[in-house]
Amino acid sequence: MRERIAESLGRKYWIALAIVGLLVVGNQALVQPYLVQLTTDAPLINLAGRQRMLSQRLAKAALALARDPGETARPYLVEMQETLDLWSASQDRLLRDAAPASITRPSNAAARTALQELEPAFSRIRAGASRMIRAAARQPPELGEVRDGLAVILAHEEGYLGRMDRIVQLYEREASARVAELRRVGWTVTGLILAILAGIGAFILRPAAVLIRRQILELRQARDDLEDRVAERTRELEAAGERHRNLAEQVSHVARTTTIGEMASGLAHELNQPLGAIANYAEGCLVELAAPRPDLAEVRGALDRLLGTTFRAGQIIDRIRRFVTRHESKHQRFDLNQTVEEVREILRGETGQRGIAVQLELAPDLPWVWGDPIQIQQVLVNLARNGFDAIAAAQPTDPMLVMQTRPAESGDIEVAIIDNGEGIEPDNLKRVFEAYFSTRADGMGMGLAICRTLVEAHQGRIAVESTRGIGTTFHLTLPGASSDDAAASCLHRG
């Protein structure tokens, strides 16, 4: 329906353009001829009016020449000759313009008739003036001829002036009639234009405006609907994001619990050492106190060592509890070097059992890192335990895992986990972070996938490079904490 309306309006637009074109052509055909005629009327009226002035000027010069035809009258003779030539040329032009074959002739037949009636008087005045000029130019001047010529001029001048006045009036009347006719044609064309414009407005512009208004309303409604859908989709995405974060936290918590379960024997071994020391110190204190004269200073020293060992055992348990306990992910500023050291402490029991040396190469004065330290610990523990498995498979003579921290060129902080294990096959390097992909027969393929998820949640990057038979290096890059992050953290805590 809308397409048909648009097509109909398109045809009407072309019709309107054709009508406007016709109006332009009509203006040229109706108005322009009148304007052209008016441009020729004004010079013709001026020419006729000048003829009266020239005839009077000729008569005055003739009178002056007749009073003194001698040498002193020479200027009047020259003036009379010049006036006669100009007057004759103007009269010839008037006759040409009034001729029926003339392009610029006036359409007034009465004016042409008056010019024809004027011709005898003009001819006699011109003949008399020529006669006077010839007689005055002789030496000595022929006074009789001069007076006879003057008599002819004066006898016909009044009739000439009267007829010329009538011709001028005829020309002016004709020009006035043409102006009136032009005014009528102009108003007619103007009325026609207004009527056509009103028709264009009623049958073209008004339907187009209605269509445009309807389309604007539809676009506005579509925009509102789109905004509602975007808002609804945003809420759905936010809810999905929240569910994803909860699920990721659950998976992360399960992974940490599983990791601790896999480390159980190592942790038991690490706890057995302080617990055994505590038992030995307590037994020694009891034995000493059973003596007749116990050495209290030695007992006090043993109790101090017992207390310190108890604190150490408590710290081990506290690290394990914080690592395993499920908590809401909360980003904050933390010291990455301290986190790496805590990871070594968490892994101490396992490294002791496996006989692997863990070396720390920590860059001093690192910027703070922005994120969840427990999740970063989880990533580092997973990467380190993958290194332990690779070292166990390779069984090098000097098993070692190196944990490095250093500032990156981009302003971020980089952690490298380096082992001298068996390495990764080149074909598997691109797949190690895929879910459910594992190079171990008993592996689930989730550890490195969880690591990548946690690192990307911190706007960080994780990569791996490996050489078969030499070792593997995992690179972990984390963004540094900015002042905006610190401010946001303060607001969140507040």
Protein backbone atom coordinates (compact mmCIF):
# COMPACT_ATOMS: atom_id res chain seq x y z
CA MET A 1 0.00 0.00 0.00
CA ARG A 2 2.74 2.44 0.99
CA GLU A 3 4.66 1.62 -2.18
CA ARG A 4 1.60 2.41 -4.33
CA ILE A 5 1.15 5.73 -2.53
CA ALA A 6 4.82 6.57 -3.02
CA GLU A 7 4.58 5.64 -6.73
CA SER A 8 1.48 7.82 -7.14
CA LEU A 9 3.20 10.75 -5.42
CA GLY A 10 6.19 10.25 -7.70
CA ARG A 11 3.99 10.59 -10.77
CA LYS A 12 2.37 13.67 -9.29
CA TYR A 13 5.78 15.19 -8.66
CA TRP A 14 6.68 14.76 -12.33
CA ILE A 15 3.34 16.29 -13.33
CA ALA A 16 4.02 19.25 -11.03
CA LEU A 17 7.46 19.73 -12.57
CA ALA A 18 5.92 19.65 -16.06
CA ILE A 19 3.36 22.26 -15.02
CA VAL A 20 6.06 24.50 -13.59
CA GLY A 21 7.97 24.10 -16.86
CA LEU A 22 4.88 25.11 -18.81
CA LEU A 23 4.48 28.17 -16.60
CA VAL A 24 8.05 29.19 -17.36
CA VAL A 25 7.43 28.75 -21.10
CA GLY A 26 4.09 30.57 -20.79
CA ASN A 27 5.79 33.46 -19.07
CA GLN A 28 8.24 33.74 -21.91
CA ALA A 29 5.48 33.49 -24.52
CA LEU A 30 2.98 35.88 -22.89
CA VAL A 31 4.93 38.41 -20.84
CA GLN A 32 8.22 38.76 -22.66
CA PRO A 33 6.76 40.16 -25.93
CA TYR A 34 5.10 42.98 -23.99
CA LEU A 35 8.38 43.74 -22.24
CA VAL A 36 10.22 43.79 -25.56
CA GLN A 37 7.64 46.20 -27.02
CA LEU A 38 7.89 48.43 -23.96
CA THR A 39 11.65 48.61 -24.42
CA THR A 40 11.08 49.94 -27.97
CA ASP A 41 8.27 52.33 -26.99
CA ALA A 42 10.38 54.43 -24.63
CA PRO A 43 13.11 55.29 -27.20
CA LEU A 44 10.45 56.04 -29.80
CA ILE A 45 8.63 58.43 -27.46
CA ASN A 46 11.91 60.11 -26.58
CA LEU A 47 12.76 60.42 -30.26
CA ALA A 48 9.41 62.02 -31.08
CA GLY A 49 9.73 64.41 -28.16
CA ARG A 50 13.23 65.37 -29.29
CA GLN A 51 11.92 66.19 -32.76
CA ARG A 52 9.81 68.97 -31.27
CA MET A 53 12.83 70.34 -29.46
CA LEU A 54 14.98 70.16 -32.61
CA SER A 55 12.36 71.95 -34.73
CA GLN A 56 12.21 74.77 -32.17
CA ARG A 57 15.99 74.92 -32.06
CA LEU A 58 16.09 75.11 -35.87
CA ALA A 59 13.59 78.00 -35.85
CA LYS A 60 15.59 79.95 -33.24
CA ALA A 61 18.81 79.52 -35.21
CA ALA A 62 17.00 80.68 -38.40
CA LEU A 63 15.70 83.84 -36.64
CA ALA A 64 19.20 84.66 -35.34
CA LEU A 65 20.70 84.11 -38.79
CA ALA A 66 18.07 86.30 -40.50
CA ARG A 67 18.75 89.22 -38.12
CA ASP A 68 22.49 89.27 -38.89
CA PRO A 69 23.47 87.26 -41.98
CA GLY A 70 27.00 88.66 -42.01
CA GLU A 71 30.28 87.23 -40.69
CA THR A 72 29.14 87.47 -37.10
CA ALA A 73 26.28 85.04 -37.85
CA ARG A 74 28.72 82.24 -38.69
CA PRO A 75 28.01 80.27 -35.42
CA TYR A 76 24.26 80.39 -36.11
CA LEU A 77 24.86 79.08 -39.58
CA VAL A 78 26.87 76.12 -38.22
CA GLU A 79 24.27 75.45 -35.50
CA MET A 80 21.45 75.59 -38.06
CA GLN A 81 23.24 73.11 -40.35
CA GLU A 82 23.94 70.65 -37.49
CA THR A 83 20.38 70.93 -36.18
CA LEU A 84 18.95 70.39 -39.67
CA ASP A 85 21.06 67.25 -40.19
CA LEU A 86 20.12 65.76 -36.79
CA TRP A 87 16.44 66.71 -37.25
CA SER A 88 16.31 65.14 -40.72
CA ALA A 89 17.98 61.90 -39.50
CA SER A 90 15.56 61.61 -36.57
CA GLN A 91 12.58 62.20 -38.84
CA ASP A 92 13.79 59.45 -41.21
CA ARG A 93 14.13 57.07 -38.22
CA LEU A 94 10.61 57.91 -37.06
CA LEU A 95 9.30 57.09 -40.52
CA ARG A 96 11.21 53.78 -40.58
CA ASP A 97 10.00 52.75 -37.11
CA ALA A 98 6.43 53.62 -38.08
CA ALA A 99 6.60 51.67 -41.36
CA PRO A 100 4.45 48.50 -41.48
CA ALA A 101 7.48 46.32 -42.34
CA SER A 102 9.52 47.50 -39.34
CA ILE A 103 10.19 44.94 -36.60
CA THR A 104 9.97 47.58 -33.86
CA ARG A 105 7.11 49.58 -35.40
CA PRO A 106 4.33 50.75 -33.11
CA SER A 107 1.02 48.98 -33.60
CA ASN A 108 -0.89 52.30 -33.49
CA ALA A 109 -2.18 53.01 -37.02
CA ALA A 110 -3.15 56.55 -36.02
CA ALA A 111 0.48 57.32 -35.25
CA ARG A 112 1.56 56.10 -38.65
CA THR A 113 -1.15 58.21 -40.32
CA ALA A 114 -0.08 61.29 -38.33
CA LEU A 115 3.51 60.80 -39.40
CA GLN A 116 2.44 60.61 -43.01
CA GLU A 117 0.38 63.81 -42.61
CA LEU A 118 3.39 65.44 -40.98
CA GLU A 119 5.63 64.72 -43.94
CA PRO A 120 4.61 67.76 -46.15
CA ALA A 121 5.25 70.27 -43.35
CA PHE A 122 8.56 68.58 -42.56
CA SER A 123 9.62 68.65 -46.21
CA ARG A 124 8.79 72.37 -46.59
CA ILE A 125 10.60 73.31 -43.35
CA ARG A 126 13.64 71.29 -44.41
CA ALA A 127 13.59 72.88 -47.89
CA GLY A 128 13.28 76.38 -46.40
CA ALA A 129 16.11 75.75 -43.95
CA SER A 130 18.34 74.41 -46.71
CA ARG A 131 17.53 77.47 -48.81
CA MET A 132 18.46 79.82 -45.93
CA ILE A 133 21.74 78.00 -45.29
CA ARG A 134 22.79 78.19 -48.96
CA ALA A 135 21.86 81.87 -49.23
CA ALA A 136 23.63 82.85 -46.00
CA ALA A 137 26.73 80.93 -47.02
CA ARG A 138 27.24 82.99 -50.18
CA GLN A 139 29.42 86.05 -50.20
CA PRO A 140 27.78 88.42 -49.93
CA PRO A 141 24.72 86.71 -48.41
CA GLU A 142 21.51 86.83 -50.42
CA LEU A 143 19.23 88.49 -47.93
CA GLY A 144 16.08 87.93 -49.95
CA GLU A 145 16.64 84.22 -50.09
CA VAL A 146 17.38 84.17 -46.35
CA ARG A 147 14.12 85.97 -45.53
CA ASP A 148 12.10 83.77 -47.90
CA GLY A 149 13.51 80.62 -46.24
CA LEU A 150 12.74 82.01 -42.78
CA ALA A 151 9.20 82.77 -43.86
CA VAL A 152 8.70 79.18 -45.03
CA ILE A 153 10.04 77.82 -41.70
CA LEU A 154 7.84 80.05 -39.57
CA ALA A 155 4.80 79.37 -41.75
CA HIS A 156 4.93 75.57 -41.24
CA GLU A 157 6.54 75.28 -37.78
CA GLU A 158 3.33 75.67 -35.79
CA GLY A 159 1.54 72.96 -37.77
CA TYR A 160 4.56 70.66 -37.44
CA LEU A 161 4.70 71.13 -33.65
CA GLY A 162 0.96 70.48 -33.26
CA ARG A 163 1.06 67.29 -35.25
CA MET A 164 4.24 66.15 -33.43
CA ASP A 165 2.53 66.74 -30.07
CA ARG A 166 -0.32 64.55 -31.25
CA ILE A 167 2.14 61.84 -32.35
CA VAL A 168 3.85 61.89 -28.95
CA GLN A 169 0.47 61.58 -27.24
CA LEU A 170 -0.44 58.67 -29.49
CA TYR A 171 2.83 56.91 -28.65
CA GLU A 172 2.35 57.56 -24.92
CA ARG A 173 -1.25 56.34 -25.08
CA GLU A 174 -0.16 53.22 -26.90
CA ALA A 175 2.61 52.59 -24.33
CA SER A 176 0.16 53.11 -21.45
CA ALA A 177 -2.26 50.66 -23.04
CA ARG A 178 0.55 48.15 -23.45
CA VAL A 179 1.54 48.59 -19.78
CA ALA A 180 -2.07 48.05 -18.75
CA GLU A 181 -2.26 44.97 -20.94
CA LEU A 182 1.02 43.70 -19.46
CA ARG A 183 -0.40 44.25 -15.98
CA ARG A 184 -3.51 42.26 -16.85
CA VAL A 185 -1.46 39.45 -18.36
CA GLY A 186 0.89 39.51 -15.36
CA TRP A 187 -1.97 39.24 -12.88
CA THR A 188 -3.53 36.48 -14.95
CA VAL A 189 -0.28 34.53 -14.99
CA THR A 190 0.18 35.21 -11.27
CA GLY A 191 -3.31 33.96 -10.50
CA LEU A 192 -2.69 30.89 -12.62
CA ILE A 193 0.58 30.23 -10.79
CA LEU A 194 -1.10 30.64 -7.41
CA ALA A 195 -3.91 28.32 -8.44
CA ILE A 196 -1.43 25.72 -9.69
CA LEU A 197 0.65 26.07 -6.50
CA ALA A 198 -2.51 25.62 -4.44
CA GLY A 199 -3.31 22.50 -6.46
CA ILE A 200 0.23 21.19 -5.99
CA GLY A 201 -0.07 21.85 -2.26
CA ALA A 202 -3.46 20.18 -1.99
CA PHE A 203 -2.89 17.16 -4.25
CA ILE A 204 0.87 16.59 -3.95
CA LEU A 205 2.51 18.31 -0.99
CA ARG A 206 -0.26 17.59 1.51
CA PRO A 207 -0.39 13.82 0.77
CA ALA A 208 3.41 13.77 0.81
CA ALA A 209 3.44 15.56 4.18
CA VAL A 210 0.88 13.09 5.55
CA LEU A 211 2.97 10.18 4.28
CA ILE A 212 6.17 11.66 5.72
CA ARG A 213 4.46 12.36 9.05
CA ARG A 214 3.17 8.79 9.15
CA GLN A 215 6.64 7.45 8.36
CA ILE A 216 8.19 9.63 11.06
CA LEU A 217 5.67 8.29 13.58
CA GLU A 218 6.40 4.74 12.46
CA LEU A 219 10.14 5.35 12.68
CA ARG A 220 9.70 6.84 16.14
CA GLN A 221 7.63 3.85 17.19
CA ALA A 222 10.20 1.52 15.69
CA ARG A 223 12.94 3.39 17.55
CA ASP A 224 11.02 3.07 20.83
CA ASP A 225 10.41 -0.62 20.19
CA LEU A 226 14.08 -1.09 19.36
CA GLU A 227 15.12 0.72 22.54
CA ASP A 228 12.74 -1.49 24.54
CA ARG A 229 14.16 -4.60 22.91
CA VAL A 230 17.72 -3.38 23.47
CA ALA A 231 16.92 -2.65 27.13
CA GLU A 232 15.29 -6.07 27.51
CA ARG A 233 18.20 -7.75 25.77
CA THR A 234 20.62 -5.83 27.97
CA ARG A 235 18.81 -7.04 31.06
CA GLU A 236 18.92 -10.58 29.70
CA LEU A 237 22.63 -10.25 28.96
CA GLU A 238 23.26 -8.83 32.41
CA ALA A 239 21.33 -11.72 33.95
CA ALA A 240 23.21 -14.17 31.73
CA GLY A 241 26.47 -12.50 32.69
CA GLU A 242 25.58 -12.82 36.35
CA ARG A 243 24.70 -16.48 35.85
CA HIS A 244 27.94 -16.94 33.94
CA ARG A 245 29.93 -15.32 36.74
CA ASN A 246 28.19 -17.50 39.32
CA LEU A 247 28.80 -20.59 37.23
CA ALA A 248 32.43 -19.59 36.68
CA GLU A 249 32.84 -19.09 40.42
CA GLN A 250 31.27 -22.48 41.08
CA VAL A 251 33.52 -24.15 38.52
CA SER A 252 36.50 -22.24 39.92
CA HIS A 253 35.62 -23.34 43.44
CA VAL A 254 35.24 -26.96 42.34
CA ALA A 255 38.57 -26.74 40.52
CA ARG A 256 40.31 -25.36 43.63
CA THR A 257 38.74 -28.07 45.78
CA THR A 258 39.80 -30.71 43.26
CA THR A 259 43.30 -29.26 43.20
CA ILE A 260 43.56 -29.43 46.98
CA GLY A 261 42.25 -33.00 46.86
CA GLU A 262 44.98 -33.90 44.38
CA MET A 263 47.51 -32.18 46.67
CA ALA A 264 46.19 -33.92 49.80
CA SER A 265 49.19 -36.21 50.34
CA GLY A 266 51.62 -33.33 49.92
CA LEU A 267 49.63 -31.11 52.27
CA ALA A 268 49.46 -33.94 54.83
CA HIS A 269 53.22 -34.31 54.58
CA GLU A 270 53.68 -30.55 55.05
CA LEU A 271 51.34 -30.51 58.07
CA ASN A 272 52.98 -33.59 59.60
CA GLN A 273 56.25 -31.75 60.01
CA PRO A 274 54.94 -28.91 62.27
CA LEU A 275 52.53 -31.27 64.04
CA GLY A 276 55.36 -33.73 64.77
CA ALA A 277 57.53 -30.88 66.01
CA ILE A 278 54.69 -29.69 68.23
CA ALA A 279 54.33 -33.18 69.73
CA ASN A 280 58.07 -33.46 70.32
CA TYR A 281 58.24 -30.03 71.99
CA ALA A 282 55.23 -30.86 74.21
CA GLU A 283 56.73 -34.28 75.17
CA GLY A 284 60.06 -32.68 75.98
CA CYS A 285 58.36 -30.08 78.18
CA LEU A 286 56.48 -32.80 80.07
CA VAL A 287 59.67 -34.82 80.59
CA GLU A 288 61.53 -31.79 81.84
CA LEU A 289 58.70 -30.74 84.15
CA ALA A 290 58.66 -34.28 85.65
CA ALA A 291 62.26 -33.88 86.82
CA PRO A 292 62.84 -32.98 90.51
CA ARG A 293 64.36 -29.68 89.51
CA PRO A 294 63.11 -28.82 86.00
CA ASP A 295 65.05 -26.33 83.88
CA LEU A 296 62.32 -23.71 83.39
CA ALA A 297 64.40 -21.70 80.94
CA GLU A 298 64.68 -24.74 78.67
CA VAL A 299 60.98 -25.42 79.09
CA ARG A 300 60.20 -21.80 78.20
CA GLY A 301 62.35 -22.02 75.09
CA ALA A 302 60.67 -25.22 74.01
CA LEU A 303 57.25 -23.67 74.54
CA ASP A 304 58.27 -20.65 72.43
CA ARG A 305 59.37 -22.98 69.63
CA LEU A 306 56.17 -24.95 70.05
CA LEU A 307 54.14 -21.74 69.75
CA GLY A 308 55.99 -20.67 66.60
CA THR A 309 55.50 -24.10 65.05
CA THR A 310 51.81 -23.93 65.95
CA PHE A 311 51.51 -20.56 64.18
CA ARG A 312 53.25 -22.06 61.15
CA ALA A 313 50.83 -24.96 61.05
CA GLY A 314 47.94 -22.51 61.43
CA GLN A 315 49.24 -20.43 58.53
CA ILE A 316 49.38 -23.53 56.33
CA ILE A 317 45.79 -24.40 57.23
CA ASP A 318 44.69 -20.77 56.76
CA ARG A 319 46.24 -20.61 53.27
CA ILE A 320 44.49 -23.82 52.33
CA ARG A 321 41.17 -22.59 53.77
CA ARG A 322 41.34 -19.27 51.92
CA PHE A 323 42.28 -21.04 48.70
CA VAL A 324 39.44 -23.57 48.92
CA THR A 325 36.67 -21.44 50.47
CA ARG A 326 34.08 -20.28 47.97
CA HIS A 327 33.75 -16.51 47.92
CA GLU A 328 32.24 -13.81 45.81
CA SER A 329 34.73 -12.57 43.26
CA LYS A 330 35.88 -9.14 44.34
CA HIS A 331 38.55 -7.20 42.51
CA GLN A 332 41.03 -5.21 44.52
CA ARG A 333 44.59 -3.99 44.45
CA PHE A 334 47.11 -6.62 45.48
CA ASP A 335 50.83 -7.38 45.39
CA LEU A 336 51.57 -9.94 42.70
CA ASN A 337 54.93 -10.89 44.21
CA GLN A 338 53.23 -11.70 47.51
CA THR A 339 50.66 -13.82 45.67
CA VAL A 340 53.44 -15.77 43.93
CA GLU A 341 55.17 -16.38 47.27
CA GLU A 342 51.90 -17.67 48.76
CA VAL A 343 51.53 -20.03 45.80
CA ARG A 344 54.96 -21.46 46.57
CA GLU A 345 53.92 -21.98 50.18
CA ILE A 346 50.71 -23.74 49.09
CA LEU A 347 52.77 -26.03 46.84
CA ARG A 348 55.57 -26.59 49.33
CA GLY A 349 54.33 -30.01 50.48
CA GLU A 350 53.88 -31.30 46.91
CA THR A 351 57.25 -29.99 45.77
CA GLY A 352 58.88 -31.66 48.76
CA GLN A 353 57.28 -34.99 47.91
CA ARG A 354 58.12 -34.75 44.20
CA GLY A 355 61.61 -33.46 44.83
CA ILE A 356 61.14 -30.42 42.59
CA ALA A 357 62.94 -27.16 43.34
CA VAL A 358 60.79 -24.04 43.00
CA GLN A 359 62.79 -20.90 42.26
CA LEU A 360 61.32 -17.39 42.50
CA GLU A 361 62.65 -14.55 40.35
CA LEU A 362 60.55 -11.60 41.45
CA ALA A 363 61.10 -8.13 40.02
CA PRO A 364 61.20 -5.46 42.75
CA ASP A 365 58.92 -2.43 42.94
CA LEU A 366 56.22 -3.87 40.70
CA PRO A 367 53.00 -1.88 40.32
CA TRP A 368 49.90 -3.11 42.06
CA VAL A 369 47.70 -5.56 40.15
CA TRP A 370 43.94 -5.14 39.86
CA GLY A 371 41.89 -8.30 40.29
CA ASP A 372 40.91 -11.18 42.56
CA PRO A 373 44.09 -12.53 44.23
CA ILE A 374 42.50 -15.92 45.04
CA GLN A 375 41.61 -16.49 41.37
CA ILE A 376 45.10 -15.46 40.28
CA GLN A 377 46.50 -17.89 42.88
CA GLN A 378 44.32 -20.60 41.36
CA VAL A 379 45.70 -19.88 37.89
CA LEU A 380 49.29 -19.97 39.12
CA VAL A 381 48.73 -23.18 41.13
CA ASN A 382 47.19 -24.88 38.06
CA LEU A 383 50.05 -23.78 35.81
CA ALA A 384 52.66 -24.84 38.36
CA ARG A 385 51.07 -28.28 38.91
CA ASN A 386 50.93 -28.76 35.11
CA GLY A 387 54.66 -28.06 35.19
CA PHE A 388 55.11 -30.62 37.96
CA ASP A 389 53.35 -33.27 35.84
CA ALA A 390 55.50 -32.42 32.82
CA ILE A 391 58.67 -32.65 34.94
CA ALA A 392 57.54 -35.98 36.37
CA ALA A 393 56.97 -37.33 32.85
CA ALA A 394 60.43 -36.17 31.67
CA GLN A 395 62.31 -37.06 34.90
CA PRO A 396 65.20 -34.59 34.35
CA THR A 397 68.33 -34.89 36.52
CA ASP A 398 67.69 -31.44 38.02
CA PRO A 399 63.89 -30.94 38.17
CA MET A 400 63.08 -27.26 38.56
CA LEU A 401 60.20 -24.85 38.16
CA VAL A 402 60.83 -21.10 37.94
CA MET A 403 58.21 -18.44 38.70
CA GLN A 404 59.15 -15.00 37.34
CA THR A 405 57.52 -11.59 37.61
CA ARG A 406 58.50 -8.58 35.54
CA PRO A 407 56.94 -5.40 34.17
CA ALA A 408 55.75 -5.56 30.56
CA GLU A 409 56.40 -2.83 27.98
CA SER A 410 52.69 -1.99 27.79
CA GLY A 411 52.62 -1.05 31.49
CA ASP A 412 51.08 -4.37 32.50
CA ILE A 413 52.71 -7.02 34.70
CA GLU A 414 53.84 -10.38 33.40
CA VAL A 415 54.23 -13.68 35.22
CA ALA A 416 56.13 -16.58 33.65
CA ILE A 417 55.92 -20.20 34.85
CA ILE A 418 58.91 -22.11 33.43
CA ASP A 419 59.55 -25.84 33.77
CA ASN A 420 62.16 -28.19 32.35
CA GLY A 421 59.66 -30.96 31.68
CA GLU A 422 58.85 -32.96 28.57
CA GLY A 423 57.36 -30.02 26.61
CA ILE A 424 54.24 -29.94 24.42
CA GLU A 425 53.86 -31.28 20.90
CA PRO A 426 53.70 -28.41 18.33
CA ASP A 427 50.33 -29.65 17.03
CA ASN A 428 48.86 -29.41 20.53
CA LEU A 429 50.07 -25.88 21.38
CA LYS A 430 47.03 -24.23 19.81
CA ARG A 431 44.62 -26.52 21.66
CA VAL A 432 45.96 -26.58 25.19
CA PHE A 433 43.46 -23.92 26.36
CA GLU A 434 40.45 -25.67 24.82
CA ALA A 435 37.94 -27.21 27.19
CA TYR A 436 38.13 -31.03 27.50
CA PHE A 437 41.47 -31.21 25.73
CA SER A 438 44.26 -32.86 27.68
CA THR A 439 47.60 -34.49 26.86
CA ARG A 440 47.32 -36.75 29.93
CA ALA A 441 45.35 -39.95 29.87
CA ASP A 442 43.73 -39.20 33.23
CA GLY A 443 43.23 -35.48 32.60
CA MET A 444 39.80 -33.83 32.26
CA GLY A 445 41.04 -30.98 30.09
CA MET A 446 39.47 -28.25 32.26
CA GLY A 447 42.42 -26.80 34.16
CA LEU A 448 43.94 -24.63 31.43
CA ALA A 449 40.48 -23.72 30.07
CA ILE A 450 39.55 -22.40 33.54
CA CYS A 451 42.86 -20.55 33.67
CA ARG A 452 42.12 -18.80 30.38
CA THR A 453 38.58 -17.88 31.55
CA LEU A 454 39.87 -16.40 34.81
CA VAL A 455 42.68 -14.47 33.10
CA GLU A 456 40.38 -13.01 30.44
CA ALA A 457 37.91 -12.03 33.17
CA HIS A 458 40.78 -9.88 34.52
CA GLN A 459 41.28 -8.31 31.04
CA GLY A 460 44.56 -10.20 30.88
CA ARG A 461 46.21 -12.56 28.39
CA ILE A 462 47.68 -16.04 28.68
CA ALA A 463 49.99 -17.72 26.19
CA VAL A 464 52.30 -20.71 26.02
CA GLU A 465 55.52 -21.57 24.25
CA SER A 466 57.20 -24.93 24.42
CA THR A 467 60.06 -26.94 22.98
CA ARG A 468 59.70 -30.68 22.99
CA GLY A 469 62.22 -32.29 25.35
CA ILE A 470 63.40 -28.96 26.80
CA GLY A 471 60.48 -27.40 28.65
CA THR A 472 57.42 -25.16 28.62
CA THR A 473 56.79 -21.54 29.56
CA PHE A 474 53.35 -20.12 30.33
CA HIS A 475 53.12 -16.32 30.05
CA LEU A 476 50.42 -14.58 32.07
CA THR A 477 49.90 -10.82 31.55
CA LEU A 478 47.70 -8.82 33.95
CA PRO A 479 46.72 -5.13 33.87
CA GLY A 480 48.17 -2.84 36.50
CA ALA A 481 45.89 -1.11 38.96
CA SER A 482 45.09 2.52 38.07
CA SER A 483 43.88 5.34 40.30
CA ASP A 484 40.38 4.88 38.84
CA ASP A 485 40.44 1.22 39.89
CA ALA A 486 41.46 2.21 43.39
CA ALA A 487 38.68 4.83 43.58
CA ALA A 488 36.13 2.31 42.36
CA SER A 489 37.37 -0.16 44.94
CA CYS A 490 36.99 2.42 47.72
CA LEU A 491 33.45 3.23 46.59
CA HIS A 492 32.62 -0.45 46.45
CA ARG A 493 33.92 -1.02 49.97
CA GLY A 494 32.10 2.06 51.20
